[in-house]
Amino acid sequence: MNKIALVFILIFSIQCQSQTNVIDSKDRCNHSPLNRNDGSLYTKDISNKYDPFIGVWKWTSGNKEMILTLIKQTKYNLISGNFNYFEDRLVGYYIYKENGVTIIDTSGDDLMKGYGLNVNFDISCSGRVSTASFKDIKKEKYFIVGLEKISPTQMKFTGKVGEGTYHIGRTPTTVYLGSTFPLEMVFTKQ
């Protein structure tokens, strides 16, 4: 009988240690500080904030065109440095053309990277979908981008220059002004 009780206690204690702390992504600011280093945290898109933005989106204006593809990755395990946690995230790639000529194409990006993605959105503490990163490859800089759903088939893309837009290293860096693509666009779902 003692052996059965010991086995039961052992199984129960192992099961308790393997549980994950699940927090809605939009509410993570209410749960500070978060333990992001032992693999027990999962910031999940329980409120489905990402869902309206998933898919292929297209913007055109005259001879300019951008196609933005957004994919929701669920329970992505982010392991980098001291970080080890799970999250739902909205990642993707874009193709920008002028006069039918491709100027930027990030469709070959490795979307399984933890950091350094060219297109990566997050849910802010206010519940808005905005960038963790959105890189203008040609101009070699990042923009702060917010997405706003304006109808079932349209979303507004609003970008701006922010802190950390320019990467200044130890060697002289060329700083390109402006952006390759417009920072205010309305995309239509394809």
N, C-alpha and C. Protein backbone atom coordinates (compact mmCIF):
# COMPACT_ATOMS: atom_id res chain seq x y z
N MET A 1 0.82 -1.19 0.00
CA MET A 1 0.00 0.00 0.00
C MET A 1 0.86 1.25 0.00
N ASN A 2 1.96 1.23 0.80
CA ASN A 2 2.86 2.39 0.86
C ASN A 2 3.49 2.66 -0.50
N LYS A 3 3.81 1.59 -1.25
CA LYS A 3 4.42 1.76 -2.56
C LYS A 3 3.45 2.42 -3.53
N ILE A 4 2.18 2.06 -3.46
CA ILE A 4 1.16 2.67 -4.32
C ILE A 4 1.02 4.14 -4.00
N ALA A 5 0.98 4.47 -2.72
CA ALA A 5 0.88 5.88 -2.31
C ALA A 5 2.11 6.66 -2.76
N LEU A 6 3.28 6.07 -2.66
CA LEU A 6 4.52 6.73 -3.07
C LEU A 6 4.52 6.99 -4.58
N VAL A 7 4.09 6.01 -5.36
CA VAL A 7 4.01 6.18 -6.82
C VAL A 7 3.00 7.27 -7.16
N PHE A 8 1.86 7.29 -6.50
CA PHE A 8 0.84 8.31 -6.74
C PHE A 8 1.39 9.71 -6.44
N ILE A 9 2.07 9.87 -5.32
CA ILE A 9 2.65 11.17 -4.94
C ILE A 9 3.72 11.58 -5.94
N LEU A 10 4.54 10.65 -6.37
CA LEU A 10 5.59 10.95 -7.34
C LEU A 10 5.00 11.41 -8.67
N ILE A 11 4.01 10.72 -9.18
CA ILE A 11 3.37 11.11 -10.44
C ILE A 11 2.70 12.47 -10.30
N PHE A 12 2.01 12.70 -9.20
CA PHE A 12 1.33 13.98 -8.97
C PHE A 12 2.33 15.13 -8.91
N SER A 13 3.46 14.95 -8.25
CA SER A 13 4.45 16.03 -8.13
C SER A 13 5.11 16.33 -9.47
N ILE A 14 5.37 15.32 -10.29
CA ILE A 14 5.94 15.55 -11.63
C ILE A 14 4.93 16.30 -12.49
N GLN A 15 3.68 15.93 -12.41
CA GLN A 15 2.64 16.58 -13.20
C GLN A 15 2.50 18.05 -12.80
N CYS A 16 2.61 18.36 -11.53
CA CYS A 16 2.49 19.75 -11.06
C CYS A 16 3.63 20.61 -11.59
N GLN A 17 4.82 20.05 -11.69
CA GLN A 17 5.97 20.82 -12.14
C GLN A 17 5.91 21.12 -13.63
N SER A 18 5.21 20.33 -14.41
CA SER A 18 5.20 20.52 -15.85
C SER A 18 4.08 21.43 -16.34
N GLN A 19 3.33 22.01 -15.44
CA GLN A 19 2.24 22.89 -15.85
C GLN A 19 2.77 24.20 -16.39
N THR A 20 2.04 24.77 -17.34
CA THR A 20 2.40 26.04 -17.95
C THR A 20 1.49 27.13 -17.44
N ASN A 21 2.07 28.30 -17.19
CA ASN A 21 1.32 29.48 -16.77
C ASN A 21 0.84 30.18 -18.03
N VAL A 22 -0.45 30.06 -18.36
CA VAL A 22 -1.01 30.64 -19.58
C VAL A 22 -1.64 32.00 -19.26
N ILE A 23 -1.21 33.02 -20.01
CA ILE A 23 -1.71 34.39 -19.84
C ILE A 23 -2.14 34.91 -21.20
N ASP A 24 -3.29 35.58 -21.25
CA ASP A 24 -3.73 36.20 -22.50
C ASP A 24 -2.72 37.28 -22.88
N SER A 25 -2.27 37.27 -24.13
CA SER A 25 -1.25 38.21 -24.60
C SER A 25 -1.61 39.65 -24.30
N LYS A 26 -2.88 40.00 -24.46
CA LYS A 26 -3.29 41.39 -24.25
C LYS A 26 -3.27 41.78 -22.77
N ASP A 27 -3.26 40.79 -21.87
CA ASP A 27 -3.27 41.07 -20.43
C ASP A 27 -1.91 40.88 -19.76
N ARG A 28 -0.87 40.62 -20.54
CA ARG A 28 0.42 40.30 -19.94
C ARG A 28 0.99 41.45 -19.10
N CYS A 29 0.62 42.68 -19.42
CA CYS A 29 1.12 43.84 -18.65
C CYS A 29 0.53 43.87 -17.24
N ASN A 30 -0.59 43.19 -17.03
CA ASN A 30 -1.22 43.13 -15.71
C ASN A 30 -0.61 42.03 -14.84
N HIS A 31 0.34 41.28 -15.39
CA HIS A 31 0.93 40.15 -14.68
C HIS A 31 2.43 40.33 -14.47
N SER A 32 2.89 41.55 -14.30
CA SER A 32 4.33 41.81 -14.14
C SER A 32 4.77 41.50 -12.73
N PRO A 33 5.98 41.04 -12.52
CA PRO A 33 6.91 40.64 -13.57
C PRO A 33 6.59 39.22 -14.05
N LEU A 34 6.87 38.96 -15.32
CA LEU A 34 6.63 37.65 -15.90
C LEU A 34 7.91 36.82 -15.83
N ASN A 35 7.76 35.56 -15.51
CA ASN A 35 8.91 34.65 -15.47
C ASN A 35 9.12 34.11 -16.88
N ARG A 36 10.04 34.70 -17.61
CA ARG A 36 10.30 34.32 -19.00
C ARG A 36 11.55 33.47 -19.15
N ASN A 37 12.01 32.84 -18.09
CA ASN A 37 13.28 32.14 -18.22
C ASN A 37 13.26 30.65 -17.91
N ASP A 38 12.15 30.07 -17.52
CA ASP A 38 12.17 28.64 -17.19
C ASP A 38 11.23 27.79 -18.06
N GLY A 39 10.66 28.36 -19.11
CA GLY A 39 9.81 27.60 -20.02
C GLY A 39 8.40 27.36 -19.51
N SER A 40 8.02 27.99 -18.39
CA SER A 40 6.68 27.74 -17.83
C SER A 40 5.65 28.78 -18.27
N LEU A 41 6.07 29.85 -18.95
CA LEU A 41 5.15 30.91 -19.36
C LEU A 41 4.70 30.72 -20.80
N TYR A 42 3.41 30.91 -21.03
CA TYR A 42 2.85 30.90 -22.39
C TYR A 42 1.94 32.11 -22.52
N THR A 43 2.37 33.12 -23.29
CA THR A 43 1.50 34.26 -23.57
C THR A 43 0.71 33.89 -24.83
N LYS A 44 -0.54 33.57 -24.62
CA LYS A 44 -1.42 33.03 -25.66
C LYS A 44 -2.41 34.08 -26.13
N ASP A 45 -2.70 34.08 -27.41
CA ASP A 45 -3.68 35.00 -27.99
C ASP A 45 -5.09 34.46 -27.74
N ILE A 46 -5.47 34.41 -26.48
CA ILE A 46 -6.78 33.89 -26.09
C ILE A 46 -7.90 34.75 -26.66
N SER A 47 -7.69 36.06 -26.71
CA SER A 47 -8.70 37.00 -27.21
C SER A 47 -8.76 37.06 -28.73
N ASN A 48 -7.92 36.28 -29.41
CA ASN A 48 -7.89 36.22 -30.88
C ASN A 48 -7.68 37.58 -31.53
N LYS A 49 -6.80 38.39 -30.96
CA LYS A 49 -6.48 39.71 -31.52
C LYS A 49 -5.78 39.59 -32.87
N TYR A 50 -5.00 38.52 -33.07
CA TYR A 50 -4.26 38.35 -34.32
C TYR A 50 -5.14 37.86 -35.47
N ASP A 51 -6.18 37.11 -35.15
CA ASP A 51 -6.97 36.42 -36.17
C ASP A 51 -7.47 37.29 -37.32
N PRO A 52 -7.97 38.51 -37.09
CA PRO A 52 -8.46 39.31 -38.22
C PRO A 52 -7.36 39.72 -39.21
N PHE A 53 -6.09 39.60 -38.81
CA PHE A 53 -4.99 40.05 -39.65
C PHE A 53 -4.29 38.92 -40.40
N ILE A 54 -4.65 37.68 -40.09
CA ILE A 54 -4.01 36.53 -40.72
C ILE A 54 -4.42 36.47 -42.19
N GLY A 55 -3.45 36.22 -43.07
CA GLY A 55 -3.75 36.04 -44.48
C GLY A 55 -2.86 36.88 -45.38
N VAL A 56 -3.28 36.97 -46.64
CA VAL A 56 -2.54 37.72 -47.66
C VAL A 56 -3.27 39.03 -47.90
N TRP A 57 -2.52 40.14 -47.85
CA TRP A 57 -3.06 41.48 -47.99
C TRP A 57 -2.35 42.19 -49.13
N LYS A 58 -3.09 43.04 -49.86
CA LYS A 58 -2.49 43.74 -51.00
C LYS A 58 -2.85 45.22 -50.97
N TRP A 59 -1.83 46.05 -51.27
CA TRP A 59 -2.01 47.49 -51.40
C TRP A 59 -1.49 47.89 -52.77
N THR A 60 -2.24 48.72 -53.48
CA THR A 60 -1.78 49.26 -54.76
C THR A 60 -2.10 50.75 -54.82
N SER A 61 -1.20 51.48 -55.48
CA SER A 61 -1.40 52.90 -55.74
C SER A 61 -0.59 53.25 -56.97
N GLY A 62 -1.29 53.48 -58.08
CA GLY A 62 -0.59 53.77 -59.33
C GLY A 62 0.28 52.59 -59.73
N ASN A 63 1.58 52.84 -59.86
CA ASN A 63 2.51 51.79 -60.29
C ASN A 63 3.19 51.08 -59.11
N LYS A 64 2.72 51.32 -57.89
CA LYS A 64 3.32 50.73 -56.69
C LYS A 64 2.40 49.68 -56.10
N GLU A 65 3.00 48.62 -55.57
CA GLU A 65 2.22 47.50 -55.02
C GLU A 65 2.99 46.84 -53.89
N MET A 66 2.27 46.51 -52.83
CA MET A 66 2.87 45.73 -51.74
C MET A 66 1.93 44.60 -51.37
N ILE A 67 2.49 43.41 -51.25
CA ILE A 67 1.75 42.24 -50.79
C ILE A 67 2.35 41.85 -49.45
N LEU A 68 1.50 41.79 -48.43
CA LEU A 68 1.92 41.48 -47.07
C LEU A 68 1.22 40.18 -46.65
N THR A 69 2.00 39.19 -46.28
CA THR A 69 1.46 37.90 -45.83
C THR A 69 1.73 37.77 -44.34
N LEU A 70 0.66 37.54 -43.56
CA LEU A 70 0.78 37.42 -42.11
C LEU A 70 0.32 36.04 -41.64
N ILE A 71 1.10 35.44 -40.78
CA ILE A 71 0.87 34.08 -40.29
C ILE A 71 0.91 34.09 -38.77
N LYS A 72 -0.04 33.42 -38.15
CA LYS A 72 -0.04 33.30 -36.68
C LYS A 72 0.69 32.02 -36.30
N GLN A 73 1.74 32.17 -35.51
CA GLN A 73 2.44 31.01 -34.97
C GLN A 73 1.96 30.82 -33.54
N THR A 74 1.44 29.63 -33.24
CA THR A 74 0.94 29.36 -31.90
C THR A 74 1.97 28.57 -31.10
N LYS A 75 2.07 28.94 -29.85
CA LYS A 75 2.98 28.31 -28.88
C LYS A 75 4.41 28.20 -29.42
N TYR A 76 4.88 29.32 -29.98
CA TYR A 76 6.27 29.39 -30.45
C TYR A 76 7.19 29.44 -29.22
N ASN A 77 8.18 28.56 -29.19
CA ASN A 77 9.11 28.51 -28.05
C ASN A 77 10.29 29.44 -28.32
N LEU A 78 10.31 30.56 -27.63
CA LEU A 78 11.37 31.55 -27.78
C LEU A 78 12.48 31.22 -26.77
N ILE A 79 13.61 30.80 -27.30
CA ILE A 79 14.78 30.49 -26.46
C ILE A 79 15.93 31.34 -26.97
N SER A 80 16.37 32.28 -26.16
CA SER A 80 17.47 33.16 -26.53
C SER A 80 18.05 33.78 -25.27
N GLY A 81 19.35 33.63 -25.08
CA GLY A 81 19.98 34.17 -23.87
C GLY A 81 19.33 33.59 -22.63
N ASN A 82 18.82 34.44 -21.76
CA ASN A 82 18.13 33.99 -20.55
C ASN A 82 16.66 33.68 -20.78
N PHE A 83 16.15 33.99 -21.97
CA PHE A 83 14.72 33.78 -22.24
C PHE A 83 14.43 32.34 -22.64
N ASN A 84 13.35 31.81 -22.09
CA ASN A 84 12.81 30.51 -22.48
C ASN A 84 11.33 30.52 -22.11
N TYR A 85 10.49 30.87 -23.08
CA TYR A 85 9.05 30.91 -22.85
C TYR A 85 8.33 30.67 -24.16
N PHE A 86 7.01 30.51 -24.08
CA PHE A 86 6.18 30.27 -25.26
C PHE A 86 5.31 31.49 -25.52
N GLU A 87 5.02 31.74 -26.79
CA GLU A 87 4.15 32.86 -27.14
C GLU A 87 3.45 32.58 -28.46
N ASP A 88 2.29 33.19 -28.63
CA ASP A 88 1.65 33.26 -29.94
C ASP A 88 2.18 34.53 -30.56
N ARG A 89 2.50 34.49 -31.85
CA ARG A 89 3.03 35.69 -32.50
C ARG A 89 2.56 35.76 -33.94
N LEU A 90 2.54 36.97 -34.46
CA LEU A 90 2.11 37.24 -35.83
C LEU A 90 3.36 37.64 -36.61
N VAL A 91 3.77 36.77 -37.53
CA VAL A 91 4.96 37.01 -38.32
C VAL A 91 4.60 36.95 -39.80
N GLY A 92 5.54 37.31 -40.66
CA GLY A 92 5.26 37.21 -42.08
C GLY A 92 6.35 37.78 -42.94
N TYR A 93 5.94 38.14 -44.14
CA TYR A 93 6.88 38.69 -45.11
C TYR A 93 6.13 39.60 -46.06
N TYR A 94 6.89 40.38 -46.85
CA TYR A 94 6.25 41.28 -47.81
C TYR A 94 7.06 41.34 -49.10
N ILE A 95 6.35 41.69 -50.16
CA ILE A 95 6.94 41.92 -51.48
C ILE A 95 6.49 43.30 -51.92
N TYR A 96 7.46 44.16 -52.24
CA TYR A 96 7.16 45.52 -52.68
C TYR A 96 7.65 45.69 -54.11
N LYS A 97 6.75 46.20 -54.98
CA LYS A 97 7.08 46.38 -56.40
C LYS A 97 6.76 47.80 -56.85
N GLU A 98 7.56 48.27 -57.82
CA GLU A 98 7.29 49.52 -58.52
C GLU A 98 7.42 49.25 -60.01
N ASN A 99 6.42 49.66 -60.79
CA ASN A 99 6.39 49.42 -62.23
C ASN A 99 6.57 47.94 -62.57
N GLY A 100 6.04 47.06 -61.71
CA GLY A 100 6.13 45.62 -61.95
C GLY A 100 7.48 45.01 -61.59
N VAL A 101 8.44 45.83 -61.15
CA VAL A 101 9.77 45.35 -60.79
C VAL A 101 9.83 45.17 -59.27
N THR A 102 10.27 44.01 -58.82
CA THR A 102 10.38 43.74 -57.39
C THR A 102 11.54 44.54 -56.80
N ILE A 103 11.22 45.37 -55.83
CA ILE A 103 12.22 46.19 -55.13
C ILE A 103 12.68 45.48 -53.86
N ILE A 104 11.72 44.92 -53.12
CA ILE A 104 12.01 44.17 -51.89
C ILE A 104 11.18 42.90 -51.89
N ASP A 105 11.81 41.78 -51.52
CA ASP A 105 11.11 40.51 -51.39
C ASP A 105 11.67 39.78 -50.17
N THR A 106 10.89 39.72 -49.10
CA THR A 106 11.34 39.05 -47.88
C THR A 106 10.69 37.67 -47.73
N SER A 107 10.10 37.14 -48.82
CA SER A 107 9.38 35.87 -48.73
C SER A 107 10.30 34.68 -48.44
N GLY A 108 11.60 34.86 -48.58
CA GLY A 108 12.53 33.78 -48.28
C GLY A 108 13.01 33.78 -46.83
N ASP A 109 12.46 34.67 -46.01
CA ASP A 109 12.88 34.77 -44.61
C ASP A 109 12.59 33.49 -43.83
N ASP A 110 13.44 33.18 -42.87
CA ASP A 110 13.23 32.08 -41.95
C ASP A 110 12.33 32.57 -40.82
N LEU A 111 11.06 32.22 -40.88
CA LEU A 111 10.08 32.72 -39.90
C LEU A 111 10.14 31.98 -38.57
N MET A 112 11.05 31.04 -38.44
CA MET A 112 11.18 30.31 -37.18
C MET A 112 12.26 30.92 -36.28
N LYS A 113 12.91 31.99 -36.73
CA LYS A 113 13.91 32.66 -35.91
C LYS A 113 13.25 33.30 -34.70
N GLY A 114 13.97 33.38 -33.61
CA GLY A 114 13.45 34.04 -32.41
C GLY A 114 13.52 35.54 -32.52
N TYR A 115 14.65 36.04 -33.02
CA TYR A 115 14.85 37.48 -33.16
C TYR A 115 15.38 37.77 -34.56
N GLY A 116 15.30 39.03 -34.96
CA GLY A 116 15.84 39.42 -36.25
C GLY A 116 14.89 39.23 -37.41
N LEU A 117 13.62 39.03 -37.12
CA LEU A 117 12.63 38.89 -38.19
C LEU A 117 12.38 40.26 -38.82
N ASN A 118 12.10 40.26 -40.11
CA ASN A 118 11.79 41.51 -40.81
C ASN A 118 10.36 41.95 -40.56
N VAL A 119 9.44 41.00 -40.36
CA VAL A 119 8.03 41.30 -40.10
C VAL A 119 7.60 40.50 -38.87
N ASN A 120 7.32 41.20 -37.78
CA ASN A 120 6.94 40.55 -36.53
C ASN A 120 6.05 41.50 -35.74
N PHE A 121 4.80 41.09 -35.50
CA PHE A 121 3.86 41.92 -34.76
C PHE A 121 3.62 41.35 -33.38
N ASP A 122 3.18 42.21 -32.48
CA ASP A 122 2.93 41.86 -31.09
C ASP A 122 1.61 42.51 -30.67
N ILE A 123 1.10 42.12 -29.52
CA ILE A 123 -0.09 42.76 -28.96
C ILE A 123 0.39 43.67 -27.85
N SER A 124 0.12 44.97 -28.00
CA SER A 124 0.57 45.93 -26.99
C SER A 124 -0.30 45.82 -25.73
N CYS A 125 0.14 46.49 -24.69
CA CYS A 125 -0.62 46.47 -23.42
C CYS A 125 -2.01 47.08 -23.59
N SER A 126 -2.17 47.94 -24.59
CA SER A 126 -3.49 48.55 -24.84
C SER A 126 -4.38 47.63 -25.69
N GLY A 127 -3.83 46.49 -26.13
CA GLY A 127 -4.61 45.54 -26.93
C GLY A 127 -4.50 45.75 -28.43
N ARG A 128 -3.68 46.71 -28.87
CA ARG A 128 -3.49 46.96 -30.30
C ARG A 128 -2.44 46.02 -30.88
N VAL A 129 -2.58 45.71 -32.16
CA VAL A 129 -1.58 44.91 -32.85
C VAL A 129 -0.57 45.88 -33.46
N SER A 130 0.66 45.80 -32.99
CA SER A 130 1.71 46.69 -33.48
C SER A 130 3.02 45.91 -33.58
N THR A 131 4.03 46.54 -34.14
CA THR A 131 5.24 45.81 -34.45
C THR A 131 6.14 45.53 -33.27
N ALA A 132 6.71 44.35 -33.35
CA ALA A 132 7.92 44.05 -32.61
C ALA A 132 9.05 44.46 -33.56
N SER A 133 8.85 44.25 -34.87
CA SER A 133 9.79 44.73 -35.89
C SER A 133 9.14 44.73 -37.27
N PHE A 134 9.48 45.74 -38.06
CA PHE A 134 9.09 45.80 -39.48
C PHE A 134 10.24 46.51 -40.18
N LYS A 135 11.01 45.75 -40.95
CA LYS A 135 12.24 46.28 -41.53
C LYS A 135 12.08 46.64 -43.00
N ASP A 136 12.54 47.83 -43.34
CA ASP A 136 12.68 48.27 -44.72
C ASP A 136 14.07 47.80 -45.14
N ILE A 137 14.12 46.69 -45.87
CA ILE A 137 15.38 46.05 -46.23
C ILE A 137 16.27 46.99 -47.05
N LYS A 138 15.68 47.67 -48.01
CA LYS A 138 16.46 48.52 -48.90
C LYS A 138 17.08 49.71 -48.16
N LYS A 139 16.35 50.30 -47.25
CA LYS A 139 16.85 51.46 -46.50
C LYS A 139 17.57 51.05 -45.21
N GLU A 140 17.56 49.75 -44.92
CA GLU A 140 18.26 49.19 -43.76
C GLU A 140 17.83 49.82 -42.44
N LYS A 141 16.51 49.91 -42.23
CA LYS A 141 16.02 50.45 -40.96
C LYS A 141 14.66 49.85 -40.61
N TYR A 142 14.35 49.93 -39.32
CA TYR A 142 13.10 49.41 -38.80
C TYR A 142 12.11 50.54 -38.57
N PHE A 143 10.83 50.21 -38.71
CA PHE A 143 9.77 51.18 -38.45
C PHE A 143 8.82 50.62 -37.39
N ILE A 144 8.18 51.53 -36.68
CA ILE A 144 7.09 51.16 -35.77
C ILE A 144 5.83 51.13 -36.63
N VAL A 145 5.13 50.02 -36.65
CA VAL A 145 3.94 49.88 -37.49
C VAL A 145 2.77 49.40 -36.65
N GLY A 146 1.64 50.04 -36.82
CA GLY A 146 0.40 49.61 -36.19
C GLY A 146 -0.56 49.11 -37.25
N LEU A 147 -1.30 48.07 -36.93
CA LEU A 147 -2.33 47.55 -37.83
C LEU A 147 -3.69 47.81 -37.20
N GLU A 148 -4.63 48.24 -38.03
CA GLU A 148 -5.98 48.50 -37.55
C GLU A 148 -6.97 47.95 -38.57
N LYS A 149 -7.88 47.13 -38.11
CA LYS A 149 -8.91 46.57 -38.98
C LYS A 149 -9.97 47.64 -39.20
N ILE A 150 -10.24 48.01 -40.48
CA ILE A 150 -11.24 49.04 -40.74
C ILE A 150 -12.51 48.47 -41.38
N SER A 151 -12.44 47.23 -41.85
CA SER A 151 -13.62 46.51 -42.36
C SER A 151 -13.24 45.04 -42.42
N PRO A 152 -14.20 44.15 -42.71
CA PRO A 152 -13.84 42.73 -42.79
C PRO A 152 -12.77 42.42 -43.84
N THR A 153 -12.65 43.29 -44.86
CA THR A 153 -11.70 43.03 -45.93
C THR A 153 -10.57 44.05 -46.03
N GLN A 154 -10.53 45.01 -45.11
CA GLN A 154 -9.49 46.03 -45.20
C GLN A 154 -8.83 46.29 -43.84
N MET A 155 -7.53 46.60 -43.91
CA MET A 155 -6.80 46.99 -42.70
C MET A 155 -5.91 48.18 -43.03
N LYS A 156 -5.72 49.01 -42.02
CA LYS A 156 -4.86 50.19 -42.16
C LYS A 156 -3.49 49.87 -41.58
N PHE A 157 -2.46 50.21 -42.34
CA PHE A 157 -1.06 50.03 -41.97
C PHE A 157 -0.50 51.43 -41.73
N THR A 158 -0.09 51.72 -40.51
CA THR A 158 0.45 53.04 -40.18
C THR A 158 1.84 52.87 -39.60
N GLY A 159 2.84 53.41 -40.30
CA GLY A 159 4.22 53.30 -39.86
C GLY A 159 4.80 54.64 -39.48
N LYS A 160 5.82 54.60 -38.64
CA LYS A 160 6.52 55.83 -38.28
C LYS A 160 7.94 55.49 -37.84
N VAL A 161 8.79 56.50 -37.92
CA VAL A 161 10.16 56.36 -37.46
C VAL A 161 10.13 56.39 -35.94
N GLY A 162 10.84 55.47 -35.33
CA GLY A 162 10.86 55.43 -33.87
C GLY A 162 12.26 55.25 -33.34
N GLU A 163 12.35 55.17 -32.04
CA GLU A 163 13.63 54.93 -31.40
C GLU A 163 14.14 53.56 -31.83
N GLY A 164 15.40 53.47 -32.18
CA GLY A 164 15.97 52.20 -32.63
C GLY A 164 15.78 51.97 -34.11
N THR A 165 15.27 52.97 -34.84
CA THR A 165 15.07 52.84 -36.28
C THR A 165 16.40 52.69 -37.00
N TYR A 166 17.38 53.44 -36.57
CA TYR A 166 18.70 53.40 -37.19
C TYR A 166 19.65 52.62 -36.30
N HIS A 167 20.38 51.69 -36.90
CA HIS A 167 21.36 50.91 -36.15
C HIS A 167 22.73 51.54 -36.37
N ILE A 168 23.30 52.10 -35.33
CA ILE A 168 24.59 52.75 -35.43
C ILE A 168 25.60 51.90 -34.68
N GLY A 169 26.54 51.34 -35.44
CA GLY A 169 27.55 50.46 -34.85
C GLY A 169 28.87 51.18 -34.65
N ARG A 170 29.92 50.40 -34.51
CA ARG A 170 31.26 50.95 -34.29
C ARG A 170 31.87 51.50 -35.57
N THR A 171 31.45 50.97 -36.69
CA THR A 171 31.98 51.44 -37.97
C THR A 171 31.04 52.47 -38.56
N PRO A 172 31.54 53.35 -39.43
CA PRO A 172 30.66 54.35 -40.04
C PRO A 172 29.49 53.68 -40.75
N THR A 173 28.32 54.25 -40.58
CA THR A 173 27.09 53.69 -41.14
C THR A 173 26.45 54.70 -42.08
N THR A 174 25.98 54.21 -43.23
CA THR A 174 25.24 55.07 -44.13
C THR A 174 23.80 55.11 -43.64
N VAL A 175 23.26 56.30 -43.46
CA VAL A 175 21.88 56.46 -43.01
C VAL A 175 21.05 56.91 -44.20
N TYR A 176 20.05 56.10 -44.56
CA TYR A 176 19.17 56.42 -45.68
C TYR A 176 17.93 57.12 -45.16
N LEU A 177 17.61 58.25 -45.74
CA LEU A 177 16.42 59.00 -45.31
C LEU A 177 15.17 58.42 -45.95
N GLY A 178 14.03 58.64 -45.31
CA GLY A 178 12.76 58.21 -45.87
C GLY A 178 12.56 56.71 -45.77
N SER A 179 11.63 56.23 -46.56
CA SER A 179 11.33 54.80 -46.60
C SER A 179 11.14 54.38 -48.05
N THR A 180 11.37 53.12 -48.33
CA THR A 180 11.19 52.60 -49.69
C THR A 180 9.72 52.59 -50.06
N PHE A 181 8.87 52.28 -49.11
CA PHE A 181 7.43 52.16 -49.34
C PHE A 181 6.71 53.20 -48.47
N PRO A 182 5.46 53.53 -48.82
CA PRO A 182 4.70 54.49 -48.00
C PRO A 182 4.47 53.94 -46.59
N LEU A 183 4.38 54.83 -45.63
CA LEU A 183 4.14 54.42 -44.25
C LEU A 183 2.67 54.53 -43.86
N GLU A 184 1.83 54.94 -44.78
CA GLU A 184 0.37 54.97 -44.57
C GLU A 184 -0.25 54.23 -45.75
N MET A 185 -0.83 53.06 -45.50
CA MET A 185 -1.43 52.27 -46.57
C MET A 185 -2.70 51.60 -46.06
N VAL A 186 -3.64 51.37 -46.96
CA VAL A 186 -4.82 50.57 -46.66
C VAL A 186 -4.73 49.32 -47.53
N PHE A 187 -4.63 48.17 -46.88
CA PHE A 187 -4.51 46.88 -47.55
C PHE A 187 -5.88 46.22 -47.69
N THR A 188 -6.04 45.47 -48.76
CA THR A 188 -7.26 44.70 -48.99
C THR A 188 -6.92 43.21 -48.92
N LYS A 189 -7.76 42.45 -48.22
CA LYS A 189 -7.53 41.01 -48.07
C LYS A 189 -7.74 40.32 -49.41
N GLN A 190 -6.86 39.41 -49.72
CA GLN A 190 -6.92 38.68 -51.00
C GLN A 190 -7.60 37.33 -50.83
